[in-house]
Amino acid sequence: MSNAFTSNKRPGTAILIVLLVLAIVGLGGWVVYLYHHKSSTNAPTLTSSNSNSSTTAQTRPASTTSTSPNTPAPILGIAWGNSQQGYGTVKPTTISNGGDPTGIVQNVTWQSWGGAQATGQGTTTYIPAGEPVSSGTQEQATVVAFNLGTCQGKFAYMAIEWYFPQHGGVFNPNVYTNICTGTYVGQ
């Protein structure tokens, strides 16, 4: 009985098959390395803002490029507390930190997702500075998710901020919620 490994007619066939298998395995490992290396080792640390924050922490660097067609869409951080909504999902329509009415944005429509920043519009409680929560009104807010990286091994936006442009609010990448840990950065 003769086969490719023992045949005298094609002695190089076995070597070619082994080399082909090694090349395929090596290429697969290289692709995995590049995916993880790209999403976790980008340049300097960036920060973001949540207009309702007060504690500090750091996050990983933000990606400056959009995801490729072969990269899964990033999720919005991960849930870090009870009764939260939207975290750990792609393009959530409701984002809730699980408590205070200023920590809930509803009816979010995303204008972008998958690039260095995801931007959307939604409705949340606006409270003028120095006023009690009871004086809050439901208003349109701009939501920005950014700082691509990994949260518990998942490709995700690691920072979020929402603000009210109609009241002079602007995106501030130095004050935000770290949506991998639930800590506040800046302010």
N, C-alpha and C. Protein backbone atom coordinates (compact mmCIF):
# COMPACT_ATOMS: atom_id res chain seq x y z
N MET A 1 0.85 -1.17 0.00
CA MET A 1 0.00 0.00 0.00
C MET A 1 0.89 1.23 0.00
N SER A 2 0.57 2.17 -0.84
CA SER A 2 1.39 3.36 -1.00
C SER A 2 0.52 4.60 -0.85
N ASN A 3 1.08 5.65 -0.24
CA ASN A 3 0.38 6.94 -0.15
C ASN A 3 1.39 8.06 -0.36
N ALA A 4 0.97 9.29 -0.18
CA ALA A 4 1.85 10.44 -0.44
C ALA A 4 3.06 10.47 0.48
N PHE A 5 2.94 9.87 1.65
CA PHE A 5 4.03 9.91 2.61
C PHE A 5 5.05 8.80 2.38
N THR A 6 4.65 7.72 1.68
CA THR A 6 5.57 6.61 1.49
C THR A 6 5.89 6.34 0.03
N SER A 7 5.24 7.02 -0.86
CA SER A 7 5.44 6.77 -2.28
C SER A 7 6.83 7.21 -2.73
N ASN A 8 7.46 6.37 -3.52
CA ASN A 8 8.77 6.70 -4.09
C ASN A 8 8.62 7.63 -5.29
N LYS A 9 7.40 7.71 -5.84
CA LYS A 9 7.19 8.53 -7.02
C LYS A 9 7.16 10.03 -6.68
N ARG A 10 6.70 10.43 -5.48
CA ARG A 10 6.59 11.84 -5.09
C ARG A 10 7.14 12.03 -3.68
N PRO A 11 8.43 11.96 -3.50
CA PRO A 11 8.99 12.07 -2.15
C PRO A 11 8.84 13.46 -1.54
N GLY A 12 8.67 14.52 -2.32
CA GLY A 12 8.55 15.87 -1.78
C GLY A 12 7.13 16.24 -1.38
N THR A 13 6.14 15.43 -1.71
CA THR A 13 4.75 15.74 -1.42
C THR A 13 4.51 15.88 0.08
N ALA A 14 5.03 14.98 0.87
CA ALA A 14 4.83 15.03 2.33
C ALA A 14 5.43 16.31 2.89
N ILE A 15 6.57 16.69 2.40
CA ILE A 15 7.22 17.91 2.88
C ILE A 15 6.39 19.13 2.51
N LEU A 16 5.87 19.15 1.30
CA LEU A 16 5.03 20.27 0.86
C LEU A 16 3.76 20.38 1.70
N ILE A 17 3.14 19.25 2.02
CA ILE A 17 1.93 19.27 2.83
C ILE A 17 2.24 19.81 4.22
N VAL A 18 3.32 19.37 4.82
CA VAL A 18 3.71 19.84 6.16
C VAL A 18 3.99 21.34 6.12
N LEU A 19 4.72 21.81 5.11
CA LEU A 19 5.01 23.24 5.00
C LEU A 19 3.73 24.06 4.79
N LEU A 20 2.81 23.55 4.01
CA LEU A 20 1.55 24.24 3.78
C LEU A 20 0.75 24.36 5.08
N VAL A 21 0.67 23.29 5.84
CA VAL A 21 -0.06 23.32 7.12
C VAL A 21 0.60 24.31 8.07
N LEU A 22 1.93 24.29 8.15
CA LEU A 22 2.65 25.22 9.03
C LEU A 22 2.41 26.67 8.60
N ALA A 23 2.37 26.92 7.31
CA ALA A 23 2.14 28.28 6.82
C ALA A 23 0.73 28.76 7.19
N ILE A 24 -0.25 27.91 7.05
CA ILE A 24 -1.63 28.28 7.38
C ILE A 24 -1.75 28.57 8.88
N VAL A 25 -1.19 27.70 9.71
CA VAL A 25 -1.24 27.90 11.16
C VAL A 25 -0.51 29.19 11.55
N GLY A 26 0.64 29.43 10.97
CA GLY A 26 1.41 30.63 11.27
C GLY A 26 0.67 31.89 10.85
N LEU A 27 0.04 31.88 9.69
CA LEU A 27 -0.72 33.03 9.22
C LEU A 27 -1.89 33.32 10.15
N GLY A 28 -2.59 32.28 10.59
CA GLY A 28 -3.70 32.47 11.53
C GLY A 28 -3.23 33.11 12.83
N GLY A 29 -2.10 32.66 13.35
CA GLY A 29 -1.55 33.24 14.58
C GLY A 29 -1.16 34.69 14.37
N TRP A 30 -0.60 35.02 13.23
CA TRP A 30 -0.20 36.39 12.93
C TRP A 30 -1.42 37.31 12.87
N VAL A 31 -2.51 36.85 12.26
CA VAL A 31 -3.73 37.65 12.17
C VAL A 31 -4.27 37.93 13.58
N VAL A 32 -4.31 36.92 14.44
CA VAL A 32 -4.78 37.11 15.82
C VAL A 32 -3.88 38.11 16.54
N TYR A 33 -2.56 37.98 16.39
CA TYR A 33 -1.63 38.90 17.03
C TYR A 33 -1.89 40.34 16.58
N LEU A 34 -2.03 40.56 15.27
CA LEU A 34 -2.25 41.91 14.76
C LEU A 34 -3.55 42.50 15.27
N TYR A 35 -4.61 41.70 15.33
CA TYR A 35 -5.89 42.20 15.82
C TYR A 35 -5.75 42.68 17.26
N HIS A 36 -5.18 41.86 18.13
CA HIS A 36 -5.04 42.24 19.53
C HIS A 36 -4.03 43.35 19.73
N HIS A 37 -2.96 43.34 18.95
CA HIS A 37 -1.93 44.37 19.07
C HIS A 37 -2.49 45.73 18.67
N LYS A 38 -3.27 45.77 17.59
CA LYS A 38 -3.84 47.03 17.11
C LYS A 38 -4.80 47.62 18.12
N SER A 39 -5.65 46.80 18.75
CA SER A 39 -6.68 47.35 19.63
C SER A 39 -6.20 47.63 21.03
N SER A 40 -4.96 47.25 21.39
CA SER A 40 -4.54 47.48 22.77
C SER A 40 -3.23 48.21 22.95
N THR A 41 -2.55 48.60 21.87
CA THR A 41 -1.25 49.24 22.06
C THR A 41 -1.10 50.52 21.26
N ASN A 42 -2.13 51.31 21.15
CA ASN A 42 -2.02 52.57 20.42
C ASN A 42 -1.37 53.63 21.29
N ALA A 43 -0.90 54.67 20.68
CA ALA A 43 -0.15 55.77 21.29
C ALA A 43 -0.63 56.27 22.65
N PRO A 44 -0.59 57.58 22.92
CA PRO A 44 -0.81 58.07 24.27
C PRO A 44 -2.24 57.90 24.76
N THR A 45 -2.40 57.88 26.08
CA THR A 45 -3.70 57.71 26.69
C THR A 45 -4.57 58.93 26.42
N LEU A 46 -5.80 58.69 26.01
CA LEU A 46 -6.77 59.75 25.79
C LEU A 46 -7.76 59.74 26.93
N THR A 47 -8.43 60.85 27.12
CA THR A 47 -9.49 60.92 28.12
C THR A 47 -10.71 61.55 27.48
N SER A 48 -11.86 61.42 28.11
CA SER A 48 -13.12 61.95 27.58
C SER A 48 -13.91 62.63 28.68
N SER A 49 -15.17 62.98 28.43
CA SER A 49 -15.91 63.63 29.49
C SER A 49 -17.35 63.21 29.60
N ASN A 50 -17.83 63.18 30.82
CA ASN A 50 -19.24 63.05 31.13
C ASN A 50 -19.53 64.25 32.00
N SER A 51 -20.45 65.08 31.60
CA SER A 51 -20.69 66.33 32.30
C SER A 51 -21.18 66.13 33.73
N ASN A 52 -21.45 64.90 34.13
CA ASN A 52 -21.92 64.62 35.48
C ASN A 52 -20.90 63.81 36.26
N SER A 53 -19.58 64.06 36.10
CA SER A 53 -18.57 63.22 36.72
C SER A 53 -17.79 63.94 37.80
N SER A 54 -17.14 63.08 38.70
CA SER A 54 -16.35 63.71 39.74
C SER A 54 -15.13 62.91 40.19
N THR A 55 -14.98 61.64 39.86
CA THR A 55 -13.85 60.83 40.29
C THR A 55 -12.86 60.69 39.15
N THR A 56 -11.62 60.22 39.41
CA THR A 56 -10.65 60.09 38.33
C THR A 56 -10.17 58.67 38.14
N ALA A 57 -9.76 58.35 36.89
CA ALA A 57 -9.18 57.06 36.52
C ALA A 57 -8.56 57.22 35.15
N GLN A 58 -7.89 56.19 34.65
CA GLN A 58 -7.29 56.25 33.31
C GLN A 58 -7.86 55.13 32.46
N THR A 59 -7.82 55.36 31.15
CA THR A 59 -8.23 54.33 30.21
C THR A 59 -7.10 54.09 29.24
N ARG A 60 -7.29 53.10 28.39
CA ARG A 60 -6.30 52.81 27.37
C ARG A 60 -6.39 53.83 26.25
N PRO A 61 -5.40 53.83 25.36
CA PRO A 61 -5.40 54.78 24.27
C PRO A 61 -6.52 54.55 23.27
N ALA A 62 -6.86 55.62 22.59
CA ALA A 62 -7.90 55.53 21.57
C ALA A 62 -7.30 55.16 20.23
N SER A 63 -8.06 54.46 19.44
CA SER A 63 -7.65 54.14 18.09
C SER A 63 -7.97 55.34 17.22
N THR A 64 -7.10 55.64 16.29
CA THR A 64 -7.35 56.76 15.41
C THR A 64 -7.87 56.32 14.05
N THR A 65 -8.04 55.02 13.88
CA THR A 65 -8.55 54.52 12.61
C THR A 65 -9.87 53.82 12.83
N SER A 66 -10.67 53.76 11.78
CA SER A 66 -11.92 53.04 11.90
C SER A 66 -11.66 51.55 11.78
N THR A 67 -12.64 50.76 12.23
CA THR A 67 -12.46 49.32 12.19
C THR A 67 -12.51 48.82 10.75
N SER A 68 -11.82 47.74 10.48
CA SER A 68 -11.83 47.17 9.14
C SER A 68 -13.06 46.29 8.97
N PRO A 69 -13.39 45.91 7.75
CA PRO A 69 -14.56 45.06 7.52
C PRO A 69 -14.46 43.71 8.25
N ASN A 70 -13.26 43.24 8.55
CA ASN A 70 -13.08 41.96 9.22
C ASN A 70 -13.09 42.08 10.74
N THR A 71 -13.04 43.29 11.27
CA THR A 71 -13.06 43.50 12.71
C THR A 71 -14.51 43.62 13.17
N PRO A 72 -14.88 42.93 14.24
CA PRO A 72 -16.26 43.07 14.71
C PRO A 72 -16.53 44.49 15.19
N ALA A 73 -17.77 44.92 15.12
CA ALA A 73 -18.14 46.26 15.59
C ALA A 73 -17.86 46.35 17.08
N PRO A 74 -17.34 47.47 17.54
CA PRO A 74 -17.09 47.60 18.98
C PRO A 74 -18.40 47.67 19.76
N ILE A 75 -18.35 47.19 20.99
CA ILE A 75 -19.48 47.34 21.88
C ILE A 75 -19.29 48.60 22.70
N LEU A 76 -20.33 49.02 23.40
CA LEU A 76 -20.25 50.20 24.25
C LEU A 76 -19.84 49.74 25.64
N GLY A 77 -18.54 49.70 25.90
CA GLY A 77 -18.02 49.31 27.20
C GLY A 77 -18.61 48.03 27.72
N ILE A 78 -18.72 47.93 29.05
CA ILE A 78 -19.35 46.78 29.70
C ILE A 78 -20.13 47.30 30.90
N ALA A 79 -21.13 46.55 31.31
CA ALA A 79 -21.87 46.93 32.52
C ALA A 79 -20.97 46.75 33.73
N TRP A 80 -20.92 47.75 34.60
CA TRP A 80 -20.09 47.68 35.80
C TRP A 80 -20.92 47.74 37.07
N GLY A 81 -22.24 47.88 36.93
CA GLY A 81 -23.10 47.97 38.11
C GLY A 81 -24.47 47.39 37.84
N ASN A 82 -25.33 47.48 38.82
CA ASN A 82 -26.70 46.95 38.71
C ASN A 82 -27.60 47.86 37.89
N SER A 83 -28.61 47.27 37.29
CA SER A 83 -29.69 47.98 36.58
C SER A 83 -29.19 48.85 35.44
N GLN A 84 -28.08 48.52 34.84
CA GLN A 84 -27.57 49.30 33.71
C GLN A 84 -28.16 48.77 32.41
N GLN A 85 -28.21 49.64 31.41
CA GLN A 85 -28.70 49.27 30.09
C GLN A 85 -27.76 49.81 29.03
N GLY A 86 -27.68 49.08 27.92
CA GLY A 86 -26.93 49.55 26.77
C GLY A 86 -25.47 49.15 26.75
N TYR A 87 -24.86 49.05 27.90
CA TYR A 87 -23.43 48.70 27.94
C TYR A 87 -23.25 47.24 27.53
N GLY A 88 -22.17 47.00 26.78
CA GLY A 88 -21.91 45.65 26.27
C GLY A 88 -22.63 45.34 24.99
N THR A 89 -23.28 46.35 24.38
CA THR A 89 -24.01 46.14 23.13
C THR A 89 -23.51 47.10 22.06
N VAL A 90 -23.90 46.84 20.82
CA VAL A 90 -23.56 47.70 19.69
C VAL A 90 -24.74 48.64 19.43
N LYS A 91 -24.46 49.94 19.32
CA LYS A 91 -25.46 50.98 19.02
C LYS A 91 -26.70 50.90 19.91
N PRO A 92 -26.55 50.96 21.21
CA PRO A 92 -27.74 50.88 22.07
C PRO A 92 -28.64 52.10 21.90
N THR A 93 -29.95 51.89 22.01
CA THR A 93 -30.90 53.00 21.92
C THR A 93 -31.17 53.60 23.30
N THR A 94 -30.85 52.85 24.36
CA THR A 94 -30.95 53.35 25.73
C THR A 94 -29.62 53.09 26.42
N ILE A 95 -29.11 54.11 27.10
CA ILE A 95 -27.89 53.98 27.89
C ILE A 95 -28.26 54.41 29.31
N SER A 96 -28.07 53.51 30.26
CA SER A 96 -28.41 53.85 31.64
C SER A 96 -27.30 53.41 32.57
N ASN A 97 -26.85 54.34 33.42
CA ASN A 97 -25.85 54.02 34.42
C ASN A 97 -26.46 53.34 35.64
N GLY A 98 -27.79 53.19 35.64
CA GLY A 98 -28.46 52.44 36.68
C GLY A 98 -28.89 53.24 37.90
N GLY A 99 -29.14 54.53 37.76
CA GLY A 99 -29.54 55.31 38.93
C GLY A 99 -30.07 56.68 38.59
N ASP A 100 -29.29 57.69 38.91
CA ASP A 100 -29.63 59.10 38.74
C ASP A 100 -30.21 59.36 37.34
N PRO A 101 -31.28 60.19 37.25
CA PRO A 101 -31.88 60.47 35.95
C PRO A 101 -30.92 61.14 34.96
N THR A 102 -29.88 61.82 35.45
CA THR A 102 -28.90 62.42 34.52
C THR A 102 -27.98 61.36 33.94
N GLY A 103 -28.06 60.13 34.41
CA GLY A 103 -27.24 59.03 33.90
C GLY A 103 -28.00 58.11 32.96
N ILE A 104 -29.09 58.60 32.38
CA ILE A 104 -29.90 57.82 31.44
C ILE A 104 -30.11 58.64 30.17
N VAL A 105 -29.78 58.06 29.03
CA VAL A 105 -30.07 58.68 27.74
C VAL A 105 -30.95 57.70 26.97
N GLN A 106 -32.10 58.18 26.49
CA GLN A 106 -33.04 57.33 25.78
C GLN A 106 -33.21 57.78 24.34
N ASN A 107 -33.77 56.88 23.54
CA ASN A 107 -34.05 57.15 22.12
C ASN A 107 -32.80 57.63 21.39
N VAL A 108 -31.68 56.97 21.65
CA VAL A 108 -30.42 57.35 21.01
C VAL A 108 -30.41 56.88 19.57
N THR A 109 -30.12 57.79 18.66
CA THR A 109 -29.88 57.45 17.26
C THR A 109 -28.43 57.78 16.97
N TRP A 110 -27.72 56.83 16.42
CA TRP A 110 -26.28 56.97 16.18
C TRP A 110 -26.04 57.44 14.75
N GLN A 111 -25.29 58.53 14.60
CA GLN A 111 -24.90 59.02 13.28
C GLN A 111 -23.64 58.30 12.80
N SER A 112 -22.84 57.78 13.73
CA SER A 112 -21.62 57.04 13.36
C SER A 112 -21.37 55.96 14.40
N TRP A 113 -20.67 54.91 13.98
CA TRP A 113 -20.29 53.82 14.90
C TRP A 113 -19.16 53.05 14.25
N GLY A 114 -18.13 52.72 15.02
CA GLY A 114 -17.05 51.87 14.53
C GLY A 114 -15.75 52.60 14.30
N GLY A 115 -15.79 53.92 14.19
CA GLY A 115 -14.56 54.70 14.02
C GLY A 115 -13.99 55.09 15.37
N ALA A 116 -13.06 56.01 15.37
CA ALA A 116 -12.42 56.45 16.62
C ALA A 116 -13.44 57.02 17.60
N GLN A 117 -14.50 57.62 17.08
CA GLN A 117 -15.60 58.13 17.91
C GLN A 117 -16.92 57.68 17.32
N ALA A 118 -17.86 57.36 18.19
CA ALA A 118 -19.24 57.11 17.77
C ALA A 118 -20.06 58.28 18.31
N THR A 119 -20.88 58.87 17.45
CA THR A 119 -21.65 60.04 17.86
C THR A 119 -23.13 59.78 17.62
N GLY A 120 -23.94 60.17 18.61
CA GLY A 120 -25.38 60.01 18.51
C GLY A 120 -26.12 61.14 19.21
N GLN A 121 -27.44 61.10 19.09
CA GLN A 121 -28.33 62.07 19.74
C GLN A 121 -29.36 61.29 20.53
N GLY A 122 -29.70 61.78 21.71
CA GLY A 122 -30.71 61.14 22.53
C GLY A 122 -31.31 62.13 23.51
N THR A 123 -32.23 61.66 24.33
CA THR A 123 -32.92 62.50 25.29
C THR A 123 -32.52 62.10 26.70
N THR A 124 -32.19 63.09 27.52
CA THR A 124 -31.81 62.86 28.91
C THR A 124 -32.22 64.06 29.76
N THR A 125 -32.03 63.96 31.04
CA THR A 125 -32.41 65.02 31.97
C THR A 125 -31.33 66.10 32.03
N TYR A 126 -31.76 67.34 31.77
CA TYR A 126 -30.86 68.48 31.90
C TYR A 126 -31.20 69.19 33.20
N ILE A 127 -30.17 69.42 34.01
CA ILE A 127 -30.34 70.15 35.26
C ILE A 127 -29.40 71.35 35.23
N PRO A 128 -29.93 72.56 35.29
CA PRO A 128 -29.05 73.74 35.30
C PRO A 128 -28.12 73.69 36.52
N ALA A 129 -26.94 74.24 36.37
CA ALA A 129 -25.94 74.25 37.45
C ALA A 129 -26.55 74.82 38.73
N GLY A 130 -26.31 74.11 39.83
CA GLY A 130 -26.77 74.58 41.14
C GLY A 130 -28.22 74.30 41.45
N GLU A 131 -28.95 73.70 40.52
CA GLU A 131 -30.38 73.41 40.72
C GLU A 131 -30.55 71.97 41.22
N PRO A 132 -31.67 71.69 41.91
CA PRO A 132 -31.94 70.32 42.36
C PRO A 132 -32.39 69.43 41.19
N VAL A 133 -32.26 68.11 41.36
CA VAL A 133 -32.67 67.16 40.32
C VAL A 133 -34.14 67.36 39.95
N SER A 134 -34.96 67.75 40.90
CA SER A 134 -36.39 67.94 40.64
C SER A 134 -36.67 69.05 39.62
N SER A 135 -35.70 69.93 39.38
CA SER A 135 -35.89 71.01 38.39
C SER A 135 -35.47 70.58 36.98
N GLY A 136 -35.05 69.33 36.83
CA GLY A 136 -34.58 68.85 35.53
C GLY A 136 -35.68 68.75 34.49
N THR A 137 -35.28 68.92 33.24
CA THR A 137 -36.20 68.79 32.10
C THR A 137 -35.58 67.83 31.09
N GLN A 138 -36.42 67.14 30.32
CA GLN A 138 -35.95 66.23 29.28
C GLN A 138 -35.54 67.05 28.05
N GLU A 139 -34.29 66.88 27.65
CA GLU A 139 -33.78 67.64 26.51
C GLU A 139 -32.88 66.76 25.65
N GLN A 140 -32.66 67.25 24.42
CA GLN A 140 -31.77 66.57 23.47
C GLN A 140 -30.33 66.72 23.93
N ALA A 141 -29.56 65.62 23.87
CA ALA A 141 -28.14 65.64 24.22
C ALA A 141 -27.35 64.96 23.12
N THR A 142 -26.09 65.35 22.99
CA THR A 142 -25.17 64.68 22.08
C THR A 142 -24.38 63.66 22.89
N VAL A 143 -24.31 62.43 22.38
CA VAL A 143 -23.59 61.33 23.04
C VAL A 143 -22.35 61.03 22.22
N VAL A 144 -21.19 60.92 22.88
CA VAL A 144 -19.95 60.56 22.20
C VAL A 144 -19.33 59.38 22.94
N ALA A 145 -19.15 58.27 22.22
CA ALA A 145 -18.41 57.11 22.74
C ALA A 145 -17.06 57.13 22.04
N PHE A 146 -15.98 56.88 22.78
CA PHE A 146 -14.65 56.95 22.17
C PHE A 146 -13.66 56.12 22.96
N ASN A 147 -12.40 56.24 22.60
CA ASN A 147 -11.30 55.51 23.24
C ASN A 147 -11.44 54.01 22.99
N LEU A 148 -11.29 53.59 21.74
CA LEU A 148 -11.37 52.18 21.39
C LEU A 148 -10.26 51.37 22.05
N GLY A 149 -10.60 50.20 22.51
CA GLY A 149 -9.65 49.30 23.15
C GLY A 149 -10.35 48.02 23.53
N THR A 150 -9.98 47.42 24.64
CA THR A 150 -10.64 46.20 25.09
C THR A 150 -11.12 46.35 26.52
N CYS A 151 -12.35 45.89 26.76
CA CYS A 151 -12.95 45.81 28.09
C CYS A 151 -13.16 44.33 28.37
N GLN A 152 -12.48 43.82 29.35
CA GLN A 152 -12.57 42.40 29.69
C GLN A 152 -12.42 41.52 28.45
N GLY A 153 -11.45 41.87 27.61
CA GLY A 153 -11.15 41.09 26.42
C GLY A 153 -12.05 41.33 25.23
N LYS A 154 -12.99 42.27 25.33
CA LYS A 154 -13.91 42.54 24.22
C LYS A 154 -13.58 43.89 23.60
N PHE A 155 -13.59 43.95 22.26
CA PHE A 155 -13.33 45.17 21.51
C PHE A 155 -14.45 46.15 21.81
N ALA A 156 -14.10 47.32 22.36
CA ALA A 156 -15.14 48.22 22.86
C ALA A 156 -14.70 49.67 22.88
N TYR A 157 -15.71 50.56 22.89
CA TYR A 157 -15.48 51.95 23.26
C TYR A 157 -15.32 51.93 24.78
N MET A 158 -14.28 52.59 25.28
CA MET A 158 -14.00 52.54 26.72
C MET A 158 -14.35 53.84 27.43
N ALA A 159 -14.87 54.82 26.72
CA ALA A 159 -15.21 56.10 27.33
C ALA A 159 -16.50 56.63 26.71
N ILE A 160 -17.27 57.35 27.51
CA ILE A 160 -18.50 57.96 27.02
C ILE A 160 -18.72 59.31 27.70
N GLU A 161 -19.34 60.20 26.96
CA GLU A 161 -19.72 61.51 27.47
C GLU A 161 -21.00 61.91 26.77
N TRP A 162 -21.87 62.60 27.47
CA TRP A 162 -22.98 63.29 26.80
C TRP A 162 -23.08 64.70 27.34
N TYR A 163 -23.55 65.58 26.49
CA TYR A 163 -23.57 67.00 26.82
C TYR A 163 -24.70 67.68 26.06
N PHE A 164 -24.97 68.94 26.42
CA PHE A 164 -26.08 69.70 25.86
C PHE A 164 -25.53 70.90 25.08
N PRO A 165 -25.36 70.77 23.76
CA PRO A 165 -24.84 71.90 22.96
C PRO A 165 -25.70 73.15 23.08
N GLN A 166 -27.01 72.99 23.21
CA GLN A 166 -27.92 74.14 23.29
C GLN A 166 -27.72 74.95 24.58
N HIS A 167 -27.00 74.38 25.55
CA HIS A 167 -26.69 75.09 26.79
C HIS A 167 -25.19 75.40 26.90
N GLY A 168 -24.51 75.38 25.75
CA GLY A 168 -23.09 75.71 25.72
C GLY A 168 -22.16 74.53 25.95
N GLY A 169 -22.71 73.33 26.10
CA GLY A 169 -21.88 72.14 26.31
C GLY A 169 -21.10 71.77 25.06
N VAL A 170 -19.88 71.31 25.23
CA VAL A 170 -19.03 70.85 24.13
C VAL A 170 -18.35 69.54 24.53
N PHE A 171 -17.94 68.79 23.55
CA PHE A 171 -17.22 67.55 23.80
C PHE A 171 -15.87 67.88 24.45
N ASN A 172 -15.59 67.27 25.58
CA ASN A 172 -14.33 67.46 26.29
C ASN A 172 -13.71 66.09 26.53
N PRO A 173 -12.69 65.72 25.77
CA PRO A 173 -12.10 64.38 25.91
C PRO A 173 -11.31 64.20 27.20
N ASN A 174 -11.32 65.18 28.09
CA ASN A 174 -10.58 65.07 29.34
C ASN A 174 -11.46 64.82 30.56
N VAL A 175 -12.78 64.81 30.36
CA VAL A 175 -13.72 64.57 31.44
C VAL A 175 -14.77 63.59 30.92
N TYR A 176 -14.83 62.38 31.48
CA TYR A 176 -15.70 61.34 30.94
C TYR A 176 -15.90 60.21 31.93
N THR A 177 -16.77 59.28 31.55
CA THR A 177 -16.95 58.05 32.31
C THR A 177 -16.15 56.94 31.64
N ASN A 178 -15.32 56.25 32.40
CA ASN A 178 -14.62 55.07 31.91
C ASN A 178 -15.64 53.94 31.95
N ILE A 179 -16.11 53.51 30.79
CA ILE A 179 -17.19 52.52 30.75
C ILE A 179 -16.68 51.08 30.74
N CYS A 180 -15.45 50.91 31.15
CA CYS A 180 -14.93 49.57 31.46
C CYS A 180 -14.95 49.35 32.97
N THR A 181 -14.83 50.44 33.72
CA THR A 181 -14.73 50.33 35.19
C THR A 181 -15.83 51.09 35.92
N GLY A 182 -16.47 52.04 35.26
CA GLY A 182 -17.50 52.84 35.91
C GLY A 182 -16.94 54.02 36.67
N THR A 183 -15.66 54.28 36.54
CA THR A 183 -15.06 55.42 37.24
C THR A 183 -15.15 56.67 36.37
N TYR A 184 -15.04 57.82 37.03
CA TYR A 184 -15.08 59.09 36.32
C TYR A 184 -13.67 59.64 36.20
N VAL A 185 -13.41 60.26 35.06
CA VAL A 185 -12.08 60.81 34.79
C VAL A 185 -12.23 62.30 34.58
N GLY A 186 -11.33 63.06 35.19
CA GLY A 186 -11.35 64.51 35.03
C GLY A 186 -12.18 65.17 36.11
N GLN A 187 -12.60 66.35 35.85
CA GLN A 187 -13.48 67.15 36.70
C GLN A 187 -13.16 67.07 38.16
